[in-house]
């Protein structure tokens, strides 16, 4: 069973009010008001003096389980939203792996699911490790990007991007002693109970043509609700069993609609980061995981849900059961 051994996050301390970005992004007064009052966005985190390599390395160094286990890392997966993130001849993912002492690993990038690529990467990492058959092997998923242009900073009518990053240490199997802890027979960490994903290829164009924008708005809530319910059912659970939902931080209104559709209390969705980080590409749910763990909002044995939607359009949900890392004090 694929397991999140540990997660590290890097959220840059610099915050830029979105109204200061309005001219750069071409937002008029009315559009800015929608983003601030309706969508719940106030500022985004940004790292003007850090490269993408710097941001990925910072997230990886925040993973407690990585130091001392570099030799066990067989794969380094870059889970990207945008296919091109650097000039020709520059490879931030390989540079990050080298700086982390992981140059012996197989290093490659996965982009097909846009902002949902990080959930796909966790699933793929677990499958690769299971196929290899080495119980001690690990994979490292790195996700999050630089918003290097107005086109990469703004999803029109939806959200504004931040530059937080996350690193996820993955094992092929979880604790053998039960859902709330580890044992000598396997690594500690949070096992993945289920993963569901669906791609609607008819919405592959970015940005969407006007004749598809309306239908996509309707399909968004309906299909995401279906994927969430599918993941929860595959995990053998009900929505009421979920202790917490760790969302993609696209905006508040999309989550109000989804919660209404599902009958899920919005208080169970951790939306704390929406006003202060913006939507950090594929890193949102994992940044939320690191924060929720630090805040004591997850207890050993709690089932929780990660959700992401990628333009293109891919809808993904992953159910996990929380188990603290062995160096962590249970909440």
C-alpha atoms as a PDB file:
ATOM      1  CA  UNK A   1       0.000   0.000   0.000  1.00  0.00           C
ATOM      2  CA  UNK A   2       1.569   3.277  -1.126  1.00  0.00           C
ATOM      3  CA  UNK A   3       2.532   5.382   1.894  1.00  0.00           C
ATOM      4  CA  UNK A   4       3.425   9.010   2.496  1.00  0.00           C
ATOM      5  CA  UNK A   5       6.443   8.486   4.725  1.00  0.00           C
ATOM      6  CA  UNK A   6       6.755  12.209   5.304  1.00  0.00           C
ATOM      7  CA  UNK A   7       6.054  15.586   3.728  1.00  0.00           C
ATOM      8  CA  UNK A   8       7.969  18.860   3.757  1.00  0.00           C
ATOM      9  CA  UNK A   9       6.730  22.262   2.621  1.00  0.00           C
ATOM     10  CA  UNK A  10       8.321  25.570   1.805  1.00  0.00           C
ATOM     11  CA  UNK A  11       6.085  28.643   1.795  1.00  0.00           C
ATOM     12  CA  UNK A  12       8.042  31.820   0.986  1.00  0.00           C
ATOM     13  CA  UNK A  13       7.694  34.524   3.628  1.00  0.00           C
ATOM     14  CA  UNK A  14       7.214  37.320   1.090  1.00  0.00           C
ATOM     15  CA  UNK A  15       3.550  38.170   0.486  1.00  0.00           C
ATOM     16  CA  UNK A  16       2.258  40.395  -2.312  1.00  0.00           C
ATOM     17  CA  UNK A  17      -1.286  41.791  -2.127  1.00  0.00           C
ATOM     18  CA  UNK A  18      -3.163  40.758  -5.254  1.00  0.00           C
ATOM     19  CA  UNK A  19      -4.277  44.347  -5.796  1.00  0.00           C
ATOM     20  CA  UNK A  20      -0.597  45.195  -6.314  1.00  0.00           C
ATOM     21  CA  UNK A  21      -0.570  42.653  -9.154  1.00  0.00           C
ATOM     22  CA  UNK A  22      -3.763  43.899 -10.789  1.00  0.00           C
ATOM     23  CA  UNK A  23      -2.106  46.038 -13.465  1.00  0.00           C
ATOM     24  CA  UNK A  24       0.446  43.335 -14.327  1.00  0.00           C
ATOM     25  CA  UNK A  25      -2.322  40.752 -14.667  1.00  0.00           C
ATOM     26  CA  UNK A  26      -4.742  43.025 -16.495  1.00  0.00           C
ATOM     27  CA  UNK A  27      -7.418  42.920 -13.770  1.00  0.00           C
ATOM     28  CA  UNK A  28      -9.831  45.832 -13.704  1.00  0.00           C
ATOM     29  CA  UNK A  29     -11.493  47.125 -10.540  1.00  0.00           C
ATOM     30  CA  UNK A  30     -14.529  44.849 -10.906  1.00  0.00           C
ATOM     31  CA  UNK A  31     -12.443  41.711 -11.522  1.00  0.00           C
ATOM     32  CA  UNK A  32     -10.191  42.528  -8.572  1.00  0.00           C
ATOM     33  CA  UNK A  33     -13.251  42.865  -6.359  1.00  0.00           C
ATOM     34  CA  UNK A  34     -14.452  39.417  -7.427  1.00  0.00           C
ATOM     35  CA  UNK A  35     -11.080  37.878  -6.586  1.00  0.00           C
ATOM     36  CA  UNK A  36     -10.923  39.554  -3.176  1.00  0.00           C
ATOM     37  CA  UNK A  37     -14.529  39.437  -1.938  1.00  0.00           C
ATOM     38  CA  UNK A  38     -16.007  36.461  -3.792  1.00  0.00           C
ATOM     39  CA  UNK A  39     -13.029  34.165  -4.265  1.00  0.00           C
ATOM     40  CA  UNK A  40     -11.412  34.978  -0.903  1.00  0.00           C
ATOM     41  CA  UNK A  41      -7.950  35.763  -2.301  1.00  0.00           C
ATOM     42  CA  UNK A  42      -6.007  38.518  -0.561  1.00  0.00           C
ATOM     43  CA  UNK A  43      -2.292  37.977  -1.226  1.00  0.00           C
ATOM     44  CA  UNK A  44       0.067  35.420  -2.745  1.00  0.00           C
ATOM     45  CA  UNK A  45       3.383  34.069  -1.518  1.00  0.00           C
ATOM     46  CA  UNK A  46       6.302  34.801  -3.790  1.00  0.00           C
ATOM     47  CA  UNK A  47      10.060  34.232  -3.799  1.00  0.00           C
ATOM     48  CA  UNK A  48      11.607  36.925  -6.017  1.00  0.00           C
ATOM     49  CA  UNK A  49      15.182  36.015  -5.060  1.00  0.00           C
ATOM     50  CA  UNK A  50      14.860  32.222  -5.223  1.00  0.00           C
ATOM     51  CA  UNK A  51      14.992  30.036  -8.312  1.00  0.00           C
ATOM     52  CA  UNK A  52      12.710  27.045  -8.799  1.00  0.00           C
ATOM     53  CA  UNK A  53      15.647  24.837  -7.853  1.00  0.00           C
ATOM     54  CA  UNK A  54      16.035  26.773  -4.589  1.00  0.00           C
ATOM     55  CA  UNK A  55      12.324  26.348  -3.822  1.00  0.00           C
ATOM     56  CA  UNK A  56      12.328  22.605  -4.497  1.00  0.00           C
ATOM     57  CA  UNK A  57      15.465  22.058  -2.418  1.00  0.00           C
ATOM     58  CA  UNK A  58      13.976  24.054   0.476  1.00  0.00           C
ATOM     59  CA  UNK A  59      10.865  21.848   0.492  1.00  0.00           C
ATOM     60  CA  UNK A  60      12.939  18.655   0.361  1.00  0.00           C
ATOM     61  CA  UNK A  61      15.140  19.788   3.236  1.00  0.00           C
ATOM     62  CA  UNK A  62      11.976  20.295   5.290  1.00  0.00           C
ATOM     63  CA  UNK A  63      11.224  16.536   5.046  1.00  0.00           C
ATOM     64  CA  UNK A  64      12.403  15.029   8.371  1.00  0.00           C
ATOM     65  CA  UNK A  65      12.622  11.508   6.925  1.00  0.00           C
ATOM     66  CA  UNK A  66      14.926  12.398   4.020  1.00  0.00           C
ATOM     67  CA  UNK A  67      18.182  13.276   5.800  1.00  0.00           C
ATOM     68  CA  UNK A  68      20.214  10.125   6.269  1.00  0.00           C
ATOM     69  CA  UNK A  69      18.041   8.154   3.852  1.00  0.00           C
ATOM     70  CA  UNK A  70      19.244   9.685   0.598  1.00  0.00           C
ATOM     71  CA  UNK A  71      20.824   6.365  -0.421  1.00  0.00           C
ATOM     72  CA  UNK A  72      17.381   4.714  -0.303  1.00  0.00           C
ATOM     73  CA  UNK A  73      15.783   7.141  -2.779  1.00  0.00           C
ATOM     74  CA  UNK A  74      15.425   5.341  -6.094  1.00  0.00           C
ATOM     75  CA  UNK A  75      13.220   7.855  -7.930  1.00  0.00           C
ATOM     76  CA  UNK A  76      12.861  11.630  -7.907  1.00  0.00           C
ATOM     77  CA  UNK A  77       9.649  12.723  -9.624  1.00  0.00           C
ATOM     78  CA  UNK A  78       8.938  16.307 -10.568  1.00  0.00           C
ATOM     79  CA  UNK A  79       5.164  16.829 -10.563  1.00  0.00           C
ATOM     80  CA  UNK A  80       4.571  19.883 -12.725  1.00  0.00           C
ATOM     81  CA  UNK A  81       1.579  21.931 -13.749  1.00  0.00           C
ATOM     82  CA  UNK A  82       3.395  23.660 -16.591  1.00  0.00           C
ATOM     83  CA  UNK A  83       5.519  21.665 -19.026  1.00  0.00           C
ATOM     84  CA  UNK A  84       8.161  24.368 -19.509  1.00  0.00           C
ATOM     85  CA  UNK A  85       9.479  26.011 -16.341  1.00  0.00           C
ATOM     86  CA  UNK A  86      13.015  27.075 -17.295  1.00  0.00           C
ATOM     87  CA  UNK A  87      15.092  28.236 -20.277  1.00  0.00           C
ATOM     88  CA  UNK A  88      16.619  25.685 -22.641  1.00  0.00           C
ATOM     89  CA  UNK A  89      19.625  24.046 -21.006  1.00  0.00           C
ATOM     90  CA  UNK A  90      18.413  24.612 -17.443  1.00  0.00           C
ATOM     91  CA  UNK A  91      16.830  21.697 -15.566  1.00  0.00           C
ATOM     92  CA  UNK A  92      15.668  22.697 -12.060  1.00  0.00           C
ATOM     93  CA  UNK A  93      14.615  19.160 -11.114  1.00  0.00           C
ATOM     94  CA  UNK A  94      17.983  17.562 -11.936  1.00  0.00           C
ATOM     95  CA  UNK A  95      19.790  20.487 -10.286  1.00  0.00           C
ATOM     96  CA  UNK A  96      17.683  20.019  -7.140  1.00  0.00           C
ATOM     97  CA  UNK A  97      18.409  16.281  -7.082  1.00  0.00           C
ATOM     98  CA  UNK A  98      22.139  16.960  -7.369  1.00  0.00           C
ATOM     99  CA  UNK A  99      22.056  19.482  -4.519  1.00  0.00           C
ATOM    100  CA  UNK A 100      20.158  17.011  -2.344  1.00  0.00           C
ATOM    101  CA  UNK A 101      22.679  14.225  -2.938  1.00  0.00           C
ATOM    102  CA  UNK A 102      20.216  12.240  -5.049  1.00  0.00           C
ATOM    103  CA  UNK A 103      22.167  12.173  -8.306  1.00  0.00           C
ATOM    104  CA  UNK A 104      22.144   8.345  -8.169  1.00  0.00           C
ATOM    105  CA  UNK A 105      18.337   8.252  -8.475  1.00  0.00           C
ATOM    106  CA  UNK A 106      16.238   8.084 -11.637  1.00  0.00           C
ATOM    107  CA  UNK A 107      15.037  11.670 -12.076  1.00  0.00           C
ATOM    108  CA  UNK A 108      12.095  12.510 -14.314  1.00  0.00           C
ATOM    109  CA  UNK A 109       9.138  14.835 -14.739  1.00  0.00           C
ATOM    110  CA  UNK A 110       5.426  14.146 -14.928  1.00  0.00           C
ATOM    111  CA  UNK A 111       3.092  16.860 -16.252  1.00  0.00           C
ATOM    112  CA  UNK A 112       0.036  15.258 -17.798  1.00  0.00           C
ATOM    113  CA  UNK A 113      -2.458  16.129 -15.049  1.00  0.00           C
ATOM    114  CA  UNK A 114      -1.462  19.815 -14.579  1.00  0.00           C
ATOM    115  CA  UNK A 115      -2.239  20.854 -10.953  1.00  0.00           C
ATOM    116  CA  UNK A 116      -3.374  17.297 -10.190  1.00  0.00           C
ATOM    117  CA  UNK A 117       0.009  15.877 -11.258  1.00  0.00           C
ATOM    118  CA  UNK A 118       1.315  15.633  -7.689  1.00  0.00           C
ATOM    119  CA  UNK A 119      -1.410  13.162  -6.694  1.00  0.00           C
ATOM    120  CA  UNK A 120      -0.689  11.177  -9.846  1.00  0.00           C
ATOM    121  CA  UNK A 121       3.034  11.242  -9.020  1.00  0.00           C
ATOM    122  CA  UNK A 122       2.433   9.788  -5.545  1.00  0.00           C
ATOM    123  CA  UNK A 123       0.398   6.969  -7.080  1.00  0.00           C
ATOM    124  CA  UNK A 124       2.990   6.323  -9.806  1.00  0.00           C
ATOM    125  CA  UNK A 125       5.846   6.402  -7.279  1.00  0.00           C
ATOM    126  CA  UNK A 126       4.149   3.784  -5.139  1.00  0.00           C
ATOM    127  CA  UNK A 127       3.537   1.567  -8.156  1.00  0.00           C
ATOM    128  CA  UNK A 128       7.134   1.842  -9.336  1.00  0.00           C
ATOM    129  CA  UNK A 129       8.503   0.994  -5.908  1.00  0.00           C
ATOM    130  CA  UNK A 130       6.132  -1.963  -5.535  1.00  0.00           C
ATOM    131  CA  UNK A 131       7.204  -3.296  -8.933  1.00  0.00           C
ATOM    132  CA  UNK A 132      10.862  -3.013  -7.968  1.00  0.00           C
ATOM    133  CA  UNK A 133      10.299  -5.226  -4.941  1.00  0.00           C
ATOM    134  CA  UNK A 134      12.802  -3.520  -2.627  1.00  0.00           C
ATOM    135  CA  UNK A 135      10.979  -2.806   0.667  1.00  0.00           C
ATOM    136  CA  UNK A 136      13.614  -0.258   1.713  1.00  0.00           C
ATOM    137  CA  UNK A 137      13.451   1.848  -1.454  1.00  0.00           C
ATOM    138  CA  UNK A 138      11.881   5.309  -1.447  1.00  0.00           C
ATOM    139  CA  UNK A 139      10.763   7.907  -3.978  1.00  0.00           C
ATOM    140  CA  UNK A 140      10.743  11.680  -3.625  1.00  0.00           C
ATOM    141  CA  UNK A 141       8.023  13.735  -5.304  1.00  0.00           C
ATOM    142  CA  UNK A 142       8.805  17.444  -5.747  1.00  0.00           C
ATOM    143  CA  UNK A 143       6.019  19.837  -6.693  1.00  0.00           C
ATOM    144  CA  UNK A 144       5.294  23.556  -6.967  1.00  0.00           C
ATOM    145  CA  UNK A 145       6.546  26.123  -9.437  1.00  0.00           C
ATOM    146  CA  UNK A 146       7.601  29.695 -10.111  1.00  0.00           C
ATOM    147  CA  UNK A 147       4.941  32.017 -11.480  1.00  0.00           C
ATOM    148  CA  UNK A 148       7.381  33.490 -13.970  1.00  0.00           C
ATOM    149  CA  UNK A 149       4.973  35.396 -16.228  1.00  0.00           C
ATOM    150  CA  UNK A 150       1.458  36.906 -16.108  1.00  0.00           C
ATOM    151  CA  UNK A 151       0.249  33.859 -18.034  1.00  0.00           C
ATOM    152  CA  UNK A 152       1.555  31.498 -15.354  1.00  0.00           C
ATOM    153  CA  UNK A 153       0.456  33.747 -12.474  1.00  0.00           C
ATOM    154  CA  UNK A 154      -3.229  34.024 -13.403  1.00  0.00           C
ATOM    155  CA  UNK A 155      -5.960  31.530 -14.247  1.00  0.00           C
ATOM    156  CA  UNK A 156      -8.468  33.946 -15.686  1.00  0.00           C
ATOM    157  CA  UNK A 157     -11.660  34.240 -13.692  1.00  0.00           C
ATOM    158  CA  UNK A 158     -10.504  31.591 -11.231  1.00  0.00           C
ATOM    159  CA  UNK A 159      -7.355  32.158  -9.163  1.00  0.00           C
ATOM    160  CA  UNK A 160      -3.879  33.669  -8.798  1.00  0.00           C
ATOM    161  CA  UNK A 161      -0.820  31.480  -8.333  1.00  0.00           C
ATOM    162  CA  UNK A 162       1.672  31.433  -5.452  1.00  0.00           C
ATOM    163  CA  UNK A 163       5.170  29.999  -5.256  1.00  0.00           C
ATOM    164  CA  UNK A 164       4.984  27.529  -2.367  1.00  0.00           C
ATOM    165  CA  UNK A 165       6.544  24.095  -2.889  1.00  0.00           C
ATOM    166  CA  UNK A 166       6.273  20.658  -1.317  1.00  0.00           C
ATOM    167  CA  UNK A 167       8.300  17.456  -1.156  1.00  0.00           C
ATOM    168  CA  UNK A 168       6.740  14.049  -0.531  1.00  0.00           C
ATOM    169  CA  UNK A 169       8.728  11.003   0.533  1.00  0.00           C
ATOM    170  CA  UNK A 170       6.932   7.870  -0.678  1.00  0.00           C
ATOM    171  CA  UNK A 171       7.285   4.171   0.155  1.00  0.00           C
ATOM    172  CA  UNK A 172       5.654   1.173  -1.503  1.00  0.00           C
ATOM    173  CA  UNK A 173       4.118  -0.159   1.686  1.00  0.00           C
ATOM    174  CA  UNK A 174       2.963   1.229   4.984  1.00  0.00           C
ATOM    175  CA  UNK A 175       3.008   0.236   8.631  1.00  0.00           C
ATOM    176  CA  UNK A 176       2.179  -3.398   9.259  1.00  0.00           C
ATOM    177  CA  UNK A 177       0.946  -2.840  12.800  1.00  0.00           C
ATOM    178  CA  UNK A 178      -2.244  -0.991  11.851  1.00  0.00           C
ATOM    179  CA  UNK A 179      -3.575   2.352  10.723  1.00  0.00           C
ATOM    180  CA  UNK A 180      -2.350   4.423  13.650  1.00  0.00           C
ATOM    181  CA  UNK A 181       1.346   3.650  13.702  1.00  0.00           C
ATOM    182  CA  UNK A 182       4.365   1.900  12.297  1.00  0.00           C
ATOM    183  CA  UNK A 183       6.321  -1.201  13.120  1.00  0.00           C
ATOM    184  CA  UNK A 184       9.637  -2.801  12.388  1.00  0.00           C
ATOM    185  CA  UNK A 185       8.010  -4.502   9.405  1.00  0.00           C
ATOM    186  CA  UNK A 186       7.434  -1.321   7.433  1.00  0.00           C
ATOM    187  CA  UNK A 187       7.974   2.441   7.326  1.00  0.00           C
ATOM    188  CA  UNK A 188       5.878   4.792   9.396  1.00  0.00           C
ATOM    189  CA  UNK A 189       3.687   7.236   7.532  1.00  0.00           C
ATOM    190  CA  UNK A 190       0.206   7.795   6.162  1.00  0.00           C
ATOM    191  CA  UNK A 191      -0.974   4.967   3.865  1.00  0.00           C
ATOM    192  CA  UNK A 192      -2.945   5.764   0.710  1.00  0.00           C
ATOM    193  CA  UNK A 193      -6.317   4.047   0.967  1.00  0.00           C
ATOM    194  CA  UNK A 194      -7.580   4.979  -2.502  1.00  0.00           C
ATOM    195  CA  UNK A 195      -6.969   7.172  -5.513  1.00  0.00           C
ATOM    196  CA  UNK A 196      -9.550   8.206  -8.111  1.00  0.00           C
ATOM    197  CA  UNK A 197      -9.025  10.356 -11.182  1.00  0.00           C
ATOM    198  CA  UNK A 198     -10.947  11.323 -14.296  1.00  0.00           C
ATOM    199  CA  UNK A 199      -9.905  13.380 -17.313  1.00  0.00           C
ATOM    200  CA  UNK A 200     -12.418  15.211 -19.515  1.00  0.00           C
ATOM    201  CA  UNK A 201     -10.413  15.611 -22.700  1.00  0.00           C
ATOM    202  CA  UNK A 202     -12.996  17.806 -24.383  1.00  0.00           C
ATOM    203  CA  UNK A 203     -11.787  20.628 -22.129  1.00  0.00           C
ATOM    204  CA  UNK A 204      -8.123  20.286 -23.088  1.00  0.00           C
ATOM    205  CA  UNK A 205      -7.749  23.795 -24.528  1.00  0.00           C
ATOM    206  CA  UNK A 206      -6.222  26.431 -22.238  1.00  0.00           C
ATOM    207  CA  UNK A 207      -7.764  28.936 -22.067  1.00  0.00           C
ATOM    208  CA  UNK A 208     -11.137  27.409 -22.909  1.00  0.00           C
ATOM    209  CA  UNK A 209     -13.091  28.777 -25.860  1.00  0.00           C
ATOM    210  CA  UNK A 210     -16.207  30.718 -24.873  1.00  0.00           C
ATOM    211  CA  UNK A 211     -18.550  27.949 -26.009  1.00  0.00           C
ATOM    212  CA  UNK A 212     -16.887  25.480 -23.603  1.00  0.00           C
ATOM    213  CA  UNK A 213     -16.425  27.750 -20.590  1.00  0.00           C
ATOM    214  CA  UNK A 214     -20.064  27.516 -19.491  1.00  0.00           C
ATOM    215  CA  UNK A 215     -20.365  23.717 -19.775  1.00  0.00           C
ATOM    216  CA  UNK A 216     -17.049  23.304 -17.957  1.00  0.00           C
ATOM    217  CA  UNK A 217     -18.298  25.440 -15.075  1.00  0.00           C
ATOM    218  CA  UNK A 218     -21.246  23.084 -14.688  1.00  0.00           C
ATOM    219  CA  UNK A 219     -19.174  19.923 -15.134  1.00  0.00           C
ATOM    220  CA  UNK A 220     -16.514  21.097 -12.669  1.00  0.00           C
ATOM    221  CA  UNK A 221     -18.615  20.705  -9.536  1.00  0.00           C
ATOM    222  CA  UNK A 222     -20.517  17.630 -10.709  1.00  0.00           C
ATOM    223  CA  UNK A 223     -17.483  15.652 -11.863  1.00  0.00           C
ATOM    224  CA  UNK A 224     -15.315  16.618  -8.910  1.00  0.00           C
ATOM    225  CA  UNK A 225     -18.080  15.520  -6.546  1.00  0.00           C
ATOM    226  CA  UNK A 226     -18.289  12.181  -8.368  1.00  0.00           C
ATOM    227  CA  UNK A 227     -14.522  11.661  -8.149  1.00  0.00           C
ATOM    228  CA  UNK A 228     -14.472  12.516  -4.434  1.00  0.00           C
ATOM    229  CA  UNK A 229     -17.287  10.064  -3.739  1.00  0.00           C
ATOM    230  CA  UNK A 230     -15.538   7.402  -5.826  1.00  0.00           C
ATOM    231  CA  UNK A 231     -12.321   7.781  -3.832  1.00  0.00           C
ATOM    232  CA  UNK A 232     -14.155   7.686  -0.513  1.00  0.00           C
ATOM    233  CA  UNK A 233     -16.136   4.600  -1.535  1.00  0.00           C
ATOM    234  CA  UNK A 234     -12.999   2.804  -2.765  1.00  0.00           C
ATOM    235  CA  UNK A 235     -11.454   3.460   0.652  1.00  0.00           C
ATOM    236  CA  UNK A 236     -14.415   1.730   2.291  1.00  0.00           C
ATOM    237  CA  UNK A 237     -15.503   4.938   3.996  1.00  0.00           C
ATOM    238  CA  UNK A 238     -18.288   7.521   3.985  1.00  0.00           C
ATOM    239  CA  UNK A 239     -17.875  11.295   3.709  1.00  0.00           C
ATOM    240  CA  UNK A 240     -18.705  11.658   7.409  1.00  0.00           C
ATOM    241  CA  UNK A 241     -15.656   9.528   8.230  1.00  0.00           C
ATOM    242  CA  UNK A 242     -13.255  12.136   6.838  1.00  0.00           C
ATOM    243  CA  UNK A 243     -11.535  14.145   9.534  1.00  0.00           C
ATOM    244  CA  UNK A 244     -10.198  16.768   7.134  1.00  0.00           C
ATOM    245  CA  UNK A 245     -10.109  17.722   3.467  1.00  0.00           C
ATOM    246  CA  UNK A 246      -6.856  19.187   2.123  1.00  0.00           C
ATOM    247  CA  UNK A 247      -7.837  21.062  -1.039  1.00  0.00           C
ATOM    248  CA  UNK A 248      -6.248  22.698  -4.017  1.00  0.00           C
ATOM    249  CA  UNK A 249      -6.450  26.363  -3.029  1.00  0.00           C
ATOM    250  CA  UNK A 250      -8.100  27.639  -6.180  1.00  0.00           C
ATOM    251  CA  UNK A 251     -10.700  29.823  -4.424  1.00  0.00           C
ATOM    252  CA  UNK A 252     -13.342  29.677  -1.703  1.00  0.00           C
ATOM    253  CA  UNK A 253     -16.417  29.794  -3.906  1.00  0.00           C
ATOM    254  CA  UNK A 254     -15.570  26.585  -5.776  1.00  0.00           C
ATOM    255  CA  UNK A 255     -15.301  24.799  -2.427  1.00  0.00           C
ATOM    256  CA  UNK A 256     -18.569  26.224  -1.137  1.00  0.00           C
ATOM    257  CA  UNK A 257     -20.259  24.851  -4.252  1.00  0.00           C
ATOM    258  CA  UNK A 258     -18.620  21.457  -3.952  1.00  0.00           C
ATOM    259  CA  UNK A 259     -19.434  21.158  -0.257  1.00  0.00           C
ATOM    260  CA  UNK A 260     -23.032  22.102  -0.972  1.00  0.00           C
ATOM    261  CA  UNK A 261     -23.195  19.465  -3.710  1.00  0.00           C
ATOM    262  CA  UNK A 262     -21.743  16.801  -1.392  1.00  0.00           C
ATOM    263  CA  UNK A 263     -23.480  17.844   1.814  1.00  0.00           C
ATOM    264  CA  UNK A 264     -20.048  18.188   3.412  1.00  0.00           C
ATOM    265  CA  UNK A 265     -19.511  20.867   6.114  1.00  0.00           C
ATOM    266  CA  UNK A 266     -17.141  23.455   4.686  1.00  0.00           C
ATOM    267  CA  UNK A 267     -15.520  23.748   8.124  1.00  0.00           C
ATOM    268  CA  UNK A 268     -13.988  20.337   7.432  1.00  0.00           C
ATOM    269  CA  UNK A 269     -12.083  21.753   4.431  1.00  0.00           C
ATOM    270  CA  UNK A 270      -8.787  23.444   5.332  1.00  0.00           C
ATOM    271  CA  UNK A 271      -9.065  26.709   3.387  1.00  0.00           C
ATOM    272  CA  UNK A 272      -6.723  28.669   5.653  1.00  0.00           C
ATOM    273  CA  UNK A 273      -4.103  29.154   2.925  1.00  0.00           C
ATOM    274  CA  UNK A 274      -6.349  30.569   0.191  1.00  0.00           C
ATOM    275  CA  UNK A 275      -6.086  34.220   1.382  1.00  0.00           C
ATOM    276  CA  UNK A 276      -2.354  34.128   2.148  1.00  0.00           C
ATOM    277  CA  UNK A 277      -0.597  31.876  -0.373  1.00  0.00           C
ATOM    278  CA  UNK A 278      -2.792  31.756  -3.462  1.00  0.00           C
ATOM    279  CA  UNK A 279      -2.951  28.559  -5.510  1.00  0.00           C
ATOM    280  CA  UNK A 280       0.529  26.971  -5.375  1.00  0.00           C
ATOM    281  CA  UNK A 281       0.209  24.776  -8.468  1.00  0.00           C
ATOM    282  CA  UNK A 282       0.376  21.077  -7.457  1.00  0.00           C
ATOM    283  CA  UNK A 283       1.730  21.724  -3.964  1.00  0.00           C
ATOM    284  CA  UNK A 284      -1.449  22.925  -2.216  1.00  0.00           C
ATOM    285  CA  UNK A 285      -2.676  19.707  -0.593  1.00  0.00           C
ATOM    286  CA  UNK A 286       0.794  18.811   0.642  1.00  0.00           C
ATOM    287  CA  UNK A 287       1.447  22.295   2.023  1.00  0.00           C
ATOM    288  CA  UNK A 288      -1.899  21.877   3.765  1.00  0.00           C
ATOM    289  CA  UNK A 289      -0.863  18.456   5.081  1.00  0.00           C
ATOM    290  CA  UNK A 290       2.322  19.833   6.638  1.00  0.00           C
ATOM    291  CA  UNK A 291       0.389  22.714   8.196  1.00  0.00           C
ATOM    292  CA  UNK A 292      -2.491  20.556   9.474  1.00  0.00           C
ATOM    293  CA  UNK A 293       0.005  18.201  11.081  1.00  0.00           C
ATOM    294  CA  UNK A 294       1.762  21.097  12.826  1.00  0.00           C
ATOM    295  CA  UNK A 295      -1.591  22.512  13.943  1.00  0.00           C
ATOM    296  CA  UNK A 296      -2.658  19.194  15.477  1.00  0.00           C
ATOM    297  CA  UNK A 297      -5.680  18.912  13.183  1.00  0.00           C
ATOM    298  CA  UNK A 298      -4.913  15.290  12.333  1.00  0.00           C
ATOM    299  CA  UNK A 299      -4.885  12.523  14.938  1.00  0.00           C
ATOM    300  CA  UNK A 300      -3.414   9.054  14.491  1.00  0.00           C
ATOM    301  CA  UNK A 301      -5.875   6.924  12.534  1.00  0.00           C
ATOM    302  CA  UNK A 302      -7.808   9.856  11.036  1.00  0.00           C
ATOM    303  CA  UNK A 303      -8.888   9.364   7.413  1.00  0.00           C
ATOM    304  CA  UNK A 304      -8.360  12.492   5.314  1.00  0.00           C
ATOM    305  CA  UNK A 305      -8.802  13.531   1.704  1.00  0.00           C
ATOM    306  CA  UNK A 306      -6.564  15.359  -0.774  1.00  0.00           C
ATOM    307  CA  UNK A 307      -8.225  16.910  -3.831  1.00  0.00           C
ATOM    308  CA  UNK A 308      -6.867  18.614  -6.951  1.00  0.00           C
ATOM    309  CA  UNK A 309      -8.113  19.688 -10.356  1.00  0.00           C
ATOM    310  CA  UNK A 310      -5.770  20.273 -13.287  1.00  0.00           C
ATOM    311  CA  UNK A 311      -6.618  22.277 -16.366  1.00  0.00           C
ATOM    312  CA  UNK A 312      -7.024  19.989 -19.296  1.00  0.00           C
ATOM    313  CA  UNK A 313      -9.193  18.816 -17.433  1.00  0.00           C
ATOM    314  CA  UNK A 314      -8.272  16.259 -14.745  1.00  0.00           C
ATOM    315  CA  UNK A 315     -10.138  15.733 -11.463  1.00  0.00           C
ATOM    316  CA  UNK A 316      -8.347  13.728  -8.754  1.00  0.00           C
ATOM    317  CA  UNK A 317      -8.924  12.681  -5.156  1.00  0.00           C
ATOM    318  CA  UNK A 318      -6.832  10.598  -2.769  1.00  0.00           C
ATOM    319  CA  UNK A 319      -7.889   9.198   0.605  1.00  0.00           C
ATOM    320  CA  UNK A 320      -5.220   8.512   3.227  1.00  0.00           C
ATOM    321  CA  UNK A 321      -5.105   7.485   6.866  1.00  0.00           C
ATOM    322  CA  UNK A 322      -2.960   9.648   9.092  1.00  0.00           C
ATOM    323  CA  UNK A 323      -0.043   8.150  11.000  1.00  0.00           C
ATOM    324  CA  UNK A 324       2.622  10.422  12.504  1.00  0.00           C
ATOM    325  CA  UNK A 325       6.229  10.098  11.445  1.00  0.00           C
ATOM    326  CA  UNK A 326       8.338   8.267  14.017  1.00  0.00           C
ATOM    327  CA  UNK A 327      10.096  11.552  14.929  1.00  0.00           C
ATOM    328  CA  UNK A 328       6.786  13.309  15.455  1.00  0.00           C
ATOM    329  CA  UNK A 329       4.807  13.654  18.666  1.00  0.00           C
ATOM    330  CA  UNK A 330       1.176  12.504  18.129  1.00  0.00           C
ATOM    331  CA  UNK A 331      -1.335  15.342  18.510  1.00  0.00           C
END
